[in-house]
Amino acid sequence: MKPTTEPATLTSASFEDLVREMIVRLGEDPDRDGLTRTPERVQRAMQFLTKGYKEDPEALLKKALFAVTYDEMVIVKDVEMFSLCEHHMLPFFGKVHIAYIPNGKVIGLSKIPRLIDIFARRLQIQERLTTQIAETIQKTIQPQGVGVVIEARHLCMMMRGVEKQHSAAVTSSMLGCFREEQETRNEFLSLIRNRANGV
């Protein structure tokens, strides 16, 4: 027999009510001084951390496309990223490196960190985040190719489970010439590893 649905009191509860219930189930007193406003704070925090669901990544990029004759690699590296793991809703954070080779159009540089935030401000896994960024750039400006690398630390590994404090995950997505041409891919990977240039 299938389990019954949740009680009406839970299904119709506000976000703050649900957080208050969670506090109770954790064995705490939601009415003590330090916790009385926690449900409100958690709601505001979660709305901010998941605001990417309400934003359109393609529309963002289309607002800042510029026609150029430049056809060399454009790299934006070391962009800070914070997201929430969809499995435990714990943070993961790190740096994103993006490169593309234009095919008549470039993206305004400030839009690349904003594109990252749109996808990072959702419940995510690092692998999906990597491909979403690459595929959106490829679809929107149709460059010769796109490369995305993300290096991140996951609190679900650091605080719980295996509790490995210095572990990091690295994911990549290579499209177009970055996938097809080893020389192009190697140039990108070499440039993002070179931290001695002060950039």
N, C-alpha and C. Protein backbone atom coordinates (compact mmCIF):
# COMPACT_ATOMS: atom_id res chain seq x y z
N MET A 1 0.85 -1.20 0.00
CA MET A 1 0.00 0.00 0.00
C MET A 1 0.88 1.24 0.00
N LYS A 2 0.52 2.22 -0.84
CA LYS A 2 1.28 3.47 -0.91
C LYS A 2 1.05 4.29 0.34
N PRO A 3 2.09 5.00 0.79
CA PRO A 3 1.91 5.86 1.97
C PRO A 3 0.91 6.96 1.68
N THR A 4 0.22 7.36 2.70
CA THR A 4 -0.76 8.45 2.54
C THR A 4 -0.03 9.76 2.29
N THR A 5 -0.73 10.70 1.72
CA THR A 5 -0.13 12.01 1.46
C THR A 5 0.09 12.75 2.78
N GLU A 6 0.92 13.82 2.69
CA GLU A 6 1.21 14.59 3.90
C GLU A 6 -0.05 15.22 4.45
N PRO A 7 -0.10 15.46 5.73
CA PRO A 7 -1.26 16.13 6.33
C PRO A 7 -1.45 17.52 5.72
N ALA A 8 -2.68 17.96 5.69
CA ALA A 8 -2.99 19.27 5.11
C ALA A 8 -2.22 20.38 5.80
N THR A 9 -1.94 20.20 7.08
CA THR A 9 -1.23 21.25 7.81
C THR A 9 0.17 21.45 7.25
N LEU A 10 0.80 20.38 6.72
CA LEU A 10 2.13 20.51 6.15
C LEU A 10 2.07 21.00 4.71
N THR A 11 1.13 20.47 3.92
CA THR A 11 1.08 20.85 2.51
C THR A 11 0.68 22.31 2.34
N SER A 12 -0.07 22.84 3.29
CA SER A 12 -0.48 24.24 3.19
C SER A 12 0.39 25.16 4.05
N ALA A 13 1.42 24.59 4.67
CA ALA A 13 2.28 25.37 5.56
C ALA A 13 3.15 26.34 4.76
N SER A 14 3.47 27.44 5.39
CA SER A 14 4.39 28.39 4.76
C SER A 14 5.81 27.86 4.86
N PHE A 15 6.71 28.46 4.10
CA PHE A 15 8.12 28.09 4.17
C PHE A 15 8.63 28.23 5.60
N GLU A 16 8.26 29.35 6.24
CA GLU A 16 8.71 29.58 7.62
C GLU A 16 8.17 28.52 8.57
N ASP A 17 6.93 28.08 8.36
CA ASP A 17 6.37 27.02 9.20
C ASP A 17 7.17 25.73 9.06
N LEU A 18 7.58 25.44 7.83
CA LEU A 18 8.33 24.20 7.58
C LEU A 18 9.71 24.27 8.24
N VAL A 19 10.34 25.41 8.19
CA VAL A 19 11.64 25.56 8.86
C VAL A 19 11.47 25.43 10.37
N ARG A 20 10.43 26.02 10.90
CA ARG A 20 10.15 25.92 12.33
C ARG A 20 9.95 24.45 12.72
N GLU A 21 9.20 23.72 11.89
CA GLU A 21 8.98 22.29 12.15
C GLU A 21 10.30 21.52 12.11
N MET A 22 11.16 21.86 11.19
CA MET A 22 12.46 21.20 11.10
C MET A 22 13.27 21.44 12.38
N ILE A 23 13.24 22.67 12.87
CA ILE A 23 13.97 23.00 14.11
C ILE A 23 13.46 22.13 15.26
N VAL A 24 12.14 21.99 15.34
CA VAL A 24 11.54 21.15 16.39
C VAL A 24 12.01 19.71 16.24
N ARG A 25 11.99 19.19 15.00
CA ARG A 25 12.37 17.79 14.77
C ARG A 25 13.84 17.53 15.03
N LEU A 26 14.64 18.59 14.96
CA LEU A 26 16.06 18.44 15.29
C LEU A 26 16.29 18.44 16.80
N GLY A 27 15.23 18.70 17.57
CA GLY A 27 15.34 18.66 19.02
C GLY A 27 15.60 20.00 19.66
N GLU A 28 15.37 21.08 18.90
CA GLU A 28 15.61 22.43 19.42
C GLU A 28 14.30 23.12 19.75
N ASP A 29 14.42 24.23 20.46
CA ASP A 29 13.27 25.05 20.82
C ASP A 29 13.21 26.25 19.88
N PRO A 30 12.26 26.30 18.94
CA PRO A 30 12.21 27.41 17.98
C PRO A 30 11.86 28.74 18.62
N ASP A 31 11.45 28.71 19.88
CA ASP A 31 11.08 29.95 20.56
C ASP A 31 12.20 30.54 21.41
N ARG A 32 13.35 29.86 21.44
CA ARG A 32 14.44 30.45 22.21
C ARG A 32 15.04 31.62 21.45
N ASP A 33 15.71 32.48 22.20
CA ASP A 33 16.14 33.77 21.67
C ASP A 33 16.88 33.69 20.34
N GLY A 34 17.84 32.79 20.20
CA GLY A 34 18.65 32.72 18.99
C GLY A 34 17.93 32.16 17.78
N LEU A 35 16.77 31.53 18.00
CA LEU A 35 16.09 30.84 16.90
C LEU A 35 14.75 31.45 16.50
N THR A 36 14.29 32.45 17.21
CA THR A 36 12.93 32.94 16.93
C THR A 36 12.79 33.49 15.51
N ARG A 37 13.83 34.09 14.98
CA ARG A 37 13.74 34.66 13.62
C ARG A 37 14.44 33.79 12.58
N THR A 38 14.91 32.61 12.99
CA THR A 38 15.62 31.73 12.05
C THR A 38 14.75 31.32 10.87
N PRO A 39 13.48 30.94 11.05
CA PRO A 39 12.67 30.58 9.87
C PRO A 39 12.61 31.69 8.82
N GLU A 40 12.46 32.91 9.26
CA GLU A 40 12.43 34.05 8.34
C GLU A 40 13.77 34.21 7.62
N ARG A 41 14.86 34.08 8.38
CA ARG A 41 16.20 34.23 7.79
C ARG A 41 16.48 33.12 6.78
N VAL A 42 16.09 31.89 7.12
CA VAL A 42 16.32 30.76 6.22
C VAL A 42 15.53 30.96 4.93
N GLN A 43 14.30 31.42 5.03
CA GLN A 43 13.50 31.66 3.83
C GLN A 43 14.19 32.67 2.92
N ARG A 44 14.65 33.78 3.48
CA ARG A 44 15.31 34.81 2.67
C ARG A 44 16.59 34.27 2.05
N ALA A 45 17.35 33.50 2.84
CA ALA A 45 18.60 32.94 2.33
C ALA A 45 18.34 31.97 1.17
N MET A 46 17.35 31.10 1.32
CA MET A 46 17.06 30.12 0.28
C MET A 46 16.51 30.78 -0.98
N GLN A 47 15.73 31.84 -0.81
CA GLN A 47 15.24 32.57 -1.98
C GLN A 47 16.40 33.17 -2.76
N PHE A 48 17.40 33.70 -2.05
CA PHE A 48 18.57 34.26 -2.71
C PHE A 48 19.40 33.17 -3.37
N LEU A 49 19.63 32.07 -2.66
CA LEU A 49 20.51 31.02 -3.16
C LEU A 49 19.91 30.22 -4.30
N THR A 50 18.60 30.36 -4.53
CA THR A 50 17.95 29.64 -5.64
C THR A 50 17.29 30.60 -6.63
N LYS A 51 17.71 31.85 -6.64
CA LYS A 51 17.06 32.84 -7.51
C LYS A 51 17.32 32.58 -9.00
N GLY A 52 18.27 31.71 -9.30
CA GLY A 52 18.57 31.40 -10.70
C GLY A 52 17.42 30.77 -11.45
N TYR A 53 16.50 30.13 -10.73
CA TYR A 53 15.34 29.52 -11.39
C TYR A 53 14.47 30.57 -12.09
N LYS A 54 14.52 31.80 -11.62
CA LYS A 54 13.67 32.86 -12.16
C LYS A 54 14.35 33.69 -13.24
N GLU A 55 15.57 33.32 -13.61
CA GLU A 55 16.33 34.10 -14.58
C GLU A 55 16.57 33.30 -15.85
N ASP A 56 16.62 34.00 -16.98
CA ASP A 56 16.78 33.38 -18.30
C ASP A 56 18.21 33.56 -18.78
N PRO A 57 19.02 32.50 -18.82
CA PRO A 57 20.43 32.66 -19.19
C PRO A 57 20.65 33.10 -20.63
N GLU A 58 19.84 32.60 -21.55
CA GLU A 58 20.01 32.99 -22.95
C GLU A 58 19.65 34.46 -23.15
N ALA A 59 18.59 34.92 -22.51
CA ALA A 59 18.20 36.33 -22.62
C ALA A 59 19.30 37.22 -22.07
N LEU A 60 19.95 36.79 -20.99
CA LEU A 60 21.06 37.56 -20.42
C LEU A 60 22.16 37.76 -21.44
N LEU A 61 22.57 36.68 -22.11
CA LEU A 61 23.67 36.79 -23.06
C LEU A 61 23.29 37.60 -24.30
N LYS A 62 22.06 37.44 -24.74
CA LYS A 62 21.64 38.14 -25.96
C LYS A 62 21.62 39.66 -25.79
N LYS A 63 21.58 40.12 -24.54
CA LYS A 63 21.60 41.57 -24.29
C LYS A 63 22.99 42.16 -24.45
N ALA A 64 24.01 41.32 -24.54
CA ALA A 64 25.38 41.83 -24.55
C ALA A 64 26.23 41.10 -25.57
N LEU A 65 25.75 41.00 -26.80
CA LEU A 65 26.51 40.40 -27.89
C LEU A 65 27.05 41.51 -28.78
N PHE A 66 28.32 41.37 -29.17
CA PHE A 66 28.96 42.40 -29.98
C PHE A 66 29.64 41.76 -31.18
N ALA A 67 29.41 42.33 -32.35
CA ALA A 67 30.03 41.83 -33.58
C ALA A 67 31.50 42.21 -33.60
N VAL A 68 32.36 41.22 -33.90
CA VAL A 68 33.81 41.46 -33.95
C VAL A 68 34.42 40.60 -35.06
N THR A 69 35.64 40.95 -35.43
CA THR A 69 36.40 40.11 -36.36
C THR A 69 37.43 39.27 -35.61
N TYR A 70 37.47 39.41 -34.29
CA TYR A 70 38.42 38.69 -33.43
C TYR A 70 38.11 37.21 -33.44
N ASP A 71 39.14 36.38 -33.68
CA ASP A 71 38.89 34.94 -33.70
C ASP A 71 39.93 34.15 -32.90
N GLU A 72 40.49 34.82 -31.88
CA GLU A 72 41.40 34.13 -30.96
C GLU A 72 40.64 33.78 -29.68
N MET A 73 41.25 32.99 -28.85
CA MET A 73 40.59 32.49 -27.65
C MET A 73 40.31 33.61 -26.65
N VAL A 74 39.10 33.63 -26.13
CA VAL A 74 38.71 34.53 -25.05
C VAL A 74 38.59 33.70 -23.78
N ILE A 75 39.29 34.08 -22.73
CA ILE A 75 39.26 33.31 -21.48
C ILE A 75 38.85 34.21 -20.33
N VAL A 76 37.92 33.74 -19.54
CA VAL A 76 37.58 34.37 -18.26
C VAL A 76 37.81 33.29 -17.21
N LYS A 77 38.78 33.50 -16.34
CA LYS A 77 39.13 32.44 -15.40
C LYS A 77 39.02 32.90 -13.96
N ASP A 78 39.02 31.92 -13.07
CA ASP A 78 39.00 32.17 -11.62
C ASP A 78 37.75 32.93 -11.17
N VAL A 79 36.61 32.66 -11.81
CA VAL A 79 35.36 33.29 -11.38
C VAL A 79 34.83 32.51 -10.18
N GLU A 80 34.65 33.18 -9.07
CA GLU A 80 34.17 32.51 -7.86
C GLU A 80 32.73 32.03 -8.05
N MET A 81 32.45 30.85 -7.52
CA MET A 81 31.13 30.25 -7.67
C MET A 81 30.72 29.63 -6.35
N PHE A 82 29.43 29.81 -6.00
CA PHE A 82 28.83 29.18 -4.82
C PHE A 82 27.51 28.56 -5.26
N SER A 83 27.27 27.33 -4.85
CA SER A 83 26.01 26.68 -5.20
C SER A 83 25.59 25.75 -4.07
N LEU A 84 24.43 25.10 -4.26
CA LEU A 84 23.91 24.14 -3.28
C LEU A 84 23.80 22.77 -3.92
N CYS A 85 24.43 21.80 -3.30
CA CYS A 85 24.31 20.41 -3.77
C CYS A 85 22.86 19.94 -3.64
N GLU A 86 22.33 19.39 -4.71
CA GLU A 86 20.93 18.98 -4.69
C GLU A 86 20.70 17.73 -3.84
N HIS A 87 21.76 17.00 -3.51
CA HIS A 87 21.58 15.77 -2.74
C HIS A 87 21.43 16.02 -1.25
N HIS A 88 22.16 17.02 -0.72
CA HIS A 88 22.10 17.29 0.71
C HIS A 88 21.76 18.74 1.03
N MET A 89 21.64 19.56 -0.03
CA MET A 89 21.39 21.00 0.12
C MET A 89 22.46 21.65 0.99
N LEU A 90 23.69 21.17 0.83
CA LEU A 90 24.85 21.79 1.46
C LEU A 90 25.65 22.51 0.38
N PRO A 91 26.38 23.55 0.75
CA PRO A 91 27.10 24.33 -0.26
C PRO A 91 28.25 23.57 -0.92
N PHE A 92 28.49 23.90 -2.18
CA PHE A 92 29.78 23.62 -2.79
C PHE A 92 30.25 24.91 -3.45
N PHE A 93 31.56 25.08 -3.52
CA PHE A 93 32.08 26.37 -3.95
C PHE A 93 33.44 26.18 -4.60
N GLY A 94 33.80 27.12 -5.46
CA GLY A 94 35.09 27.00 -6.12
C GLY A 94 35.25 28.05 -7.20
N LYS A 95 35.95 27.68 -8.26
CA LYS A 95 36.24 28.60 -9.36
C LYS A 95 35.83 27.99 -10.69
N VAL A 96 35.37 28.90 -11.57
CA VAL A 96 34.96 28.50 -12.91
C VAL A 96 35.90 29.18 -13.91
N HIS A 97 36.33 28.41 -14.90
CA HIS A 97 37.16 28.93 -15.98
C HIS A 97 36.41 28.69 -17.29
N ILE A 98 36.26 29.72 -18.09
CA ILE A 98 35.52 29.62 -19.34
C ILE A 98 36.36 30.18 -20.48
N ALA A 99 36.36 29.48 -21.60
CA ALA A 99 37.01 29.98 -22.81
C ALA A 99 36.11 29.70 -24.00
N TYR A 100 36.19 30.59 -24.98
CA TYR A 100 35.51 30.33 -26.26
C TYR A 100 36.27 31.01 -27.37
N ILE A 101 36.09 30.53 -28.57
CA ILE A 101 36.70 31.15 -29.75
C ILE A 101 35.56 31.73 -30.57
N PRO A 102 35.51 33.06 -30.70
CA PRO A 102 34.38 33.72 -31.35
C PRO A 102 34.22 33.31 -32.82
N ASN A 103 33.00 33.43 -33.26
CA ASN A 103 32.68 33.20 -34.66
C ASN A 103 31.85 34.38 -35.14
N GLY A 104 32.42 35.59 -34.96
CA GLY A 104 31.74 36.81 -35.38
C GLY A 104 31.09 37.59 -34.26
N LYS A 105 30.96 36.97 -33.05
CA LYS A 105 30.35 37.66 -31.93
C LYS A 105 31.09 37.33 -30.64
N VAL A 106 31.16 38.34 -29.75
CA VAL A 106 31.68 38.10 -28.40
C VAL A 106 30.63 38.51 -27.38
N ILE A 107 30.80 38.00 -26.16
CA ILE A 107 29.89 38.31 -25.06
C ILE A 107 30.53 39.39 -24.20
N GLY A 108 29.73 40.38 -23.77
CA GLY A 108 30.23 41.35 -22.80
C GLY A 108 30.80 40.62 -21.60
N LEU A 109 32.02 40.95 -21.20
CA LEU A 109 32.73 40.17 -20.17
C LEU A 109 31.98 40.07 -18.85
N SER A 110 31.24 41.12 -18.48
CA SER A 110 30.53 41.09 -17.19
C SER A 110 29.40 40.08 -17.18
N LYS A 111 28.96 39.67 -18.37
CA LYS A 111 27.83 38.74 -18.43
C LYS A 111 28.24 37.30 -18.12
N ILE A 112 29.52 37.00 -18.26
CA ILE A 112 29.95 35.62 -18.00
C ILE A 112 29.82 35.25 -16.52
N PRO A 113 30.31 36.08 -15.58
CA PRO A 113 30.05 35.76 -14.17
C PRO A 113 28.56 35.71 -13.84
N ARG A 114 27.77 36.57 -14.48
CA ARG A 114 26.32 36.55 -14.22
C ARG A 114 25.69 35.27 -14.75
N LEU A 115 26.17 34.78 -15.90
CA LEU A 115 25.67 33.51 -16.44
C LEU A 115 25.98 32.37 -15.46
N ILE A 116 27.19 32.37 -14.93
CA ILE A 116 27.57 31.34 -13.95
C ILE A 116 26.62 31.38 -12.76
N ASP A 117 26.34 32.59 -12.26
CA ASP A 117 25.45 32.73 -11.09
C ASP A 117 24.04 32.23 -11.37
N ILE A 118 23.54 32.46 -12.58
CA ILE A 118 22.18 32.00 -12.89
C ILE A 118 22.06 30.50 -12.70
N PHE A 119 23.04 29.76 -13.17
CA PHE A 119 22.98 28.30 -13.03
C PHE A 119 23.43 27.83 -11.64
N ALA A 120 24.36 28.58 -11.02
CA ALA A 120 24.83 28.17 -9.69
C ALA A 120 23.78 28.43 -8.62
N ARG A 121 22.92 29.44 -8.83
CA ARG A 121 21.89 29.75 -7.85
C ARG A 121 20.66 28.87 -8.05
N ARG A 122 20.92 27.58 -8.09
CA ARG A 122 19.88 26.55 -8.19
C ARG A 122 20.38 25.34 -7.42
N LEU A 123 19.50 24.40 -7.14
CA LEU A 123 19.97 23.13 -6.58
C LEU A 123 20.71 22.42 -7.71
N GLN A 124 21.96 22.04 -7.48
CA GLN A 124 22.81 21.63 -8.58
C GLN A 124 23.66 20.41 -8.24
N ILE A 125 24.21 19.83 -9.30
CA ILE A 125 25.39 18.98 -9.19
C ILE A 125 26.44 19.63 -10.08
N GLN A 126 27.69 19.47 -9.73
CA GLN A 126 28.76 20.18 -10.43
C GLN A 126 28.82 19.79 -11.90
N GLU A 127 28.56 18.52 -12.20
CA GLU A 127 28.64 18.06 -13.58
C GLU A 127 27.61 18.78 -14.46
N ARG A 128 26.38 18.90 -13.96
CA ARG A 128 25.33 19.58 -14.73
C ARG A 128 25.63 21.06 -14.88
N LEU A 129 26.09 21.69 -13.80
CA LEU A 129 26.43 23.10 -13.84
C LEU A 129 27.46 23.37 -14.94
N THR A 130 28.46 22.52 -15.05
CA THR A 130 29.50 22.68 -16.06
C THR A 130 28.93 22.63 -17.47
N THR A 131 28.11 21.63 -17.73
CA THR A 131 27.56 21.49 -19.09
C THR A 131 26.54 22.57 -19.41
N GLN A 132 25.75 23.00 -18.43
CA GLN A 132 24.76 24.05 -18.69
C GLN A 132 25.43 25.35 -19.13
N ILE A 133 26.52 25.70 -18.47
CA ILE A 133 27.23 26.93 -18.84
C ILE A 133 27.77 26.82 -20.27
N ALA A 134 28.43 25.70 -20.55
CA ALA A 134 29.02 25.52 -21.89
C ALA A 134 27.96 25.49 -22.98
N GLU A 135 26.90 24.74 -22.76
CA GLU A 135 25.87 24.59 -23.78
C GLU A 135 25.12 25.89 -24.04
N THR A 136 24.93 26.70 -23.00
CA THR A 136 24.23 27.98 -23.19
C THR A 136 25.06 28.93 -24.03
N ILE A 137 26.37 28.99 -23.77
CA ILE A 137 27.24 29.84 -24.58
C ILE A 137 27.26 29.35 -26.03
N GLN A 138 27.38 28.04 -26.19
CA GLN A 138 27.43 27.47 -27.54
C GLN A 138 26.13 27.75 -28.31
N LYS A 139 25.02 27.60 -27.66
CA LYS A 139 23.72 27.79 -28.33
C LYS A 139 23.47 29.26 -28.65
N THR A 140 23.86 30.15 -27.74
CA THR A 140 23.51 31.56 -27.89
C THR A 140 24.38 32.30 -28.89
N ILE A 141 25.69 32.08 -28.87
CA ILE A 141 26.55 32.85 -29.78
C ILE A 141 27.19 31.99 -30.87
N GLN A 142 27.00 30.67 -30.81
CA GLN A 142 27.52 29.75 -31.81
C GLN A 142 28.98 30.03 -32.15
N PRO A 143 29.85 29.98 -31.14
CA PRO A 143 31.27 30.19 -31.38
C PRO A 143 31.88 28.96 -32.06
N GLN A 144 33.17 29.06 -32.36
CA GLN A 144 33.85 27.90 -32.93
C GLN A 144 33.96 26.78 -31.90
N GLY A 145 33.96 27.16 -30.65
CA GLY A 145 34.00 26.17 -29.58
C GLY A 145 33.98 26.83 -28.22
N VAL A 146 33.66 26.03 -27.20
CA VAL A 146 33.58 26.50 -25.82
C VAL A 146 34.25 25.47 -24.91
N GLY A 147 34.97 25.97 -23.92
CA GLY A 147 35.51 25.10 -22.88
C GLY A 147 35.17 25.65 -21.51
N VAL A 148 34.72 24.78 -20.62
CA VAL A 148 34.39 25.18 -19.24
C VAL A 148 35.04 24.17 -18.29
N VAL A 149 35.73 24.68 -17.29
CA VAL A 149 36.31 23.84 -16.23
C VAL A 149 35.88 24.42 -14.90
N ILE A 150 35.41 23.55 -14.02
CA ILE A 150 35.04 23.98 -12.66
C ILE A 150 35.85 23.16 -11.65
N GLU A 151 36.46 23.86 -10.70
CA GLU A 151 37.16 23.24 -9.59
C GLU A 151 36.40 23.61 -8.32
N ALA A 152 35.91 22.64 -7.57
CA ALA A 152 35.06 22.97 -6.43
C ALA A 152 35.28 22.03 -5.25
N ARG A 153 34.99 22.57 -4.07
CA ARG A 153 35.00 21.80 -2.83
C ARG A 153 33.55 21.66 -2.36
N HIS A 154 33.22 20.49 -1.86
CA HIS A 154 31.84 20.17 -1.50
C HIS A 154 31.74 19.91 0.00
N LEU A 155 30.90 20.71 0.66
CA LEU A 155 30.76 20.52 2.11
C LEU A 155 30.10 19.19 2.46
N CYS A 156 29.37 18.60 1.51
CA CYS A 156 28.79 17.28 1.80
C CYS A 156 29.87 16.21 1.90
N MET A 157 31.06 16.48 1.34
CA MET A 157 32.20 15.58 1.52
C MET A 157 33.07 16.02 2.69
N MET A 158 33.11 17.31 2.95
CA MET A 158 34.02 17.84 3.96
C MET A 158 33.44 17.76 5.37
N MET A 159 32.12 17.95 5.50
CA MET A 159 31.48 18.00 6.82
C MET A 159 30.84 16.69 7.23
N ARG A 160 30.51 15.84 6.26
CA ARG A 160 29.80 14.59 6.55
C ARG A 160 30.39 13.50 5.66
N GLY A 161 29.81 12.33 5.72
CA GLY A 161 30.28 11.24 4.85
C GLY A 161 31.74 10.92 5.08
N VAL A 162 32.55 11.07 4.03
CA VAL A 162 33.96 10.70 4.14
C VAL A 162 34.79 11.73 4.92
N GLU A 163 34.26 12.94 5.10
CA GLU A 163 34.92 14.00 5.88
C GLU A 163 36.36 14.24 5.45
N LYS A 164 36.55 14.42 4.16
CA LYS A 164 37.87 14.71 3.60
C LYS A 164 37.98 16.21 3.35
N GLN A 165 38.79 16.88 4.15
CA GLN A 165 38.81 18.34 4.17
C GLN A 165 39.50 18.97 2.97
N HIS A 166 40.38 18.26 2.31
CA HIS A 166 41.17 18.88 1.24
C HIS A 166 40.83 18.31 -0.14
N SER A 167 39.75 17.60 -0.24
CA SER A 167 39.37 17.03 -1.53
C SER A 167 38.69 18.08 -2.39
N ALA A 168 38.88 17.97 -3.70
CA ALA A 168 38.25 18.88 -4.64
C ALA A 168 37.80 18.07 -5.85
N ALA A 169 36.73 18.53 -6.48
CA ALA A 169 36.23 17.90 -7.70
C ALA A 169 36.50 18.83 -8.87
N VAL A 170 36.95 18.25 -9.97
CA VAL A 170 37.20 19.02 -11.19
C VAL A 170 36.35 18.43 -12.31
N THR A 171 35.55 19.27 -12.96
CA THR A 171 34.72 18.84 -14.08
C THR A 171 34.99 19.73 -15.28
N SER A 172 34.76 19.19 -16.47
CA SER A 172 34.97 19.99 -17.68
C SER A 172 33.92 19.65 -18.71
N SER A 173 33.68 20.63 -19.58
CA SER A 173 32.82 20.43 -20.74
C SER A 173 33.49 21.12 -21.91
N MET A 174 33.78 20.35 -22.96
CA MET A 174 34.46 20.87 -24.15
C MET A 174 33.54 20.67 -25.36
N LEU A 175 33.25 21.75 -26.05
CA LEU A 175 32.37 21.70 -27.21
C LEU A 175 33.08 22.29 -28.43
N GLY A 176 32.66 21.86 -29.61
CA GLY A 176 33.23 22.40 -30.84
C GLY A 176 34.71 22.11 -30.95
N CYS A 177 35.49 23.14 -31.30
CA CYS A 177 36.92 22.93 -31.52
C CYS A 177 37.66 22.55 -30.25
N PHE A 178 37.10 22.85 -29.09
CA PHE A 178 37.75 22.45 -27.84
C PHE A 178 37.68 20.93 -27.65
N ARG A 179 36.65 20.33 -28.19
CA ARG A 179 36.53 18.87 -28.13
C ARG A 179 37.30 18.20 -29.26
N GLU A 180 37.25 18.83 -30.44
CA GLU A 180 37.79 18.19 -31.65
C GLU A 180 39.29 18.40 -31.82
N GLU A 181 39.82 19.50 -31.28
CA GLU A 181 41.23 19.84 -31.51
C GLU A 181 42.00 19.82 -30.20
N GLN A 182 42.89 18.84 -30.08
CA GLN A 182 43.65 18.69 -28.85
C GLN A 182 44.52 19.91 -28.57
N GLU A 183 45.06 20.54 -29.61
CA GLU A 183 45.91 21.71 -29.42
C GLU A 183 45.14 22.86 -28.78
N THR A 184 43.90 23.08 -29.23
CA THR A 184 43.06 24.14 -28.66
C THR A 184 42.73 23.84 -27.21
N ARG A 185 42.36 22.60 -26.94
CA ARG A 185 42.03 22.19 -25.58
C ARG A 185 43.24 22.33 -24.66
N ASN A 186 44.40 21.92 -25.14
CA ASN A 186 45.62 22.00 -24.32
C ASN A 186 46.01 23.45 -24.04
N GLU A 187 45.80 24.34 -25.04
CA GLU A 187 46.11 25.75 -24.82
C GLU A 187 45.24 26.32 -23.70
N PHE A 188 43.95 26.00 -23.73
CA PHE A 188 43.03 26.47 -22.69
C PHE A 188 43.46 25.95 -21.32
N LEU A 189 43.70 24.65 -21.22
CA LEU A 189 44.05 24.06 -19.94
C LEU A 189 45.38 24.61 -19.42
N SER A 190 46.32 24.86 -20.32
CA SER A 190 47.60 25.42 -19.92
C SER A 190 47.44 26.84 -19.39
N LEU A 191 46.61 27.65 -20.04
CA LEU A 191 46.43 29.04 -19.64
C LEU A 191 45.71 29.16 -18.29
N ILE A 192 44.76 28.28 -18.01
CA ILE A 192 44.07 28.40 -16.72
C ILE A 192 44.91 27.84 -15.58
N ARG A 193 45.89 27.00 -15.91
CA ARG A 193 46.78 26.49 -14.86
C ARG A 193 47.89 27.47 -14.54
N ASN A 194 48.15 28.41 -15.44
CA ASN A 194 49.25 29.35 -15.25
C ASN A 194 48.82 30.48 -14.33
N ARG A 195 49.13 30.36 -13.04
CA ARG A 195 48.73 31.38 -12.06
C ARG A 195 49.86 32.39 -11.81
N ALA A 196 50.96 32.28 -12.57
CA ALA A 196 52.10 33.16 -12.31
C ALA A 196 51.99 34.50 -13.03
N ASN A 197 50.94 34.68 -13.84
CA ASN A 197 50.83 35.92 -14.61
C ASN A 197 50.14 37.03 -13.84
N GLY A 198 49.71 36.76 -12.61
CA GLY A 198 49.11 37.79 -11.78
C GLY A 198 47.68 38.13 -12.12
N VAL A 199 47.08 37.41 -13.06
CA VAL A 199 45.69 37.71 -13.46
C VAL A 199 44.74 37.01 -12.53
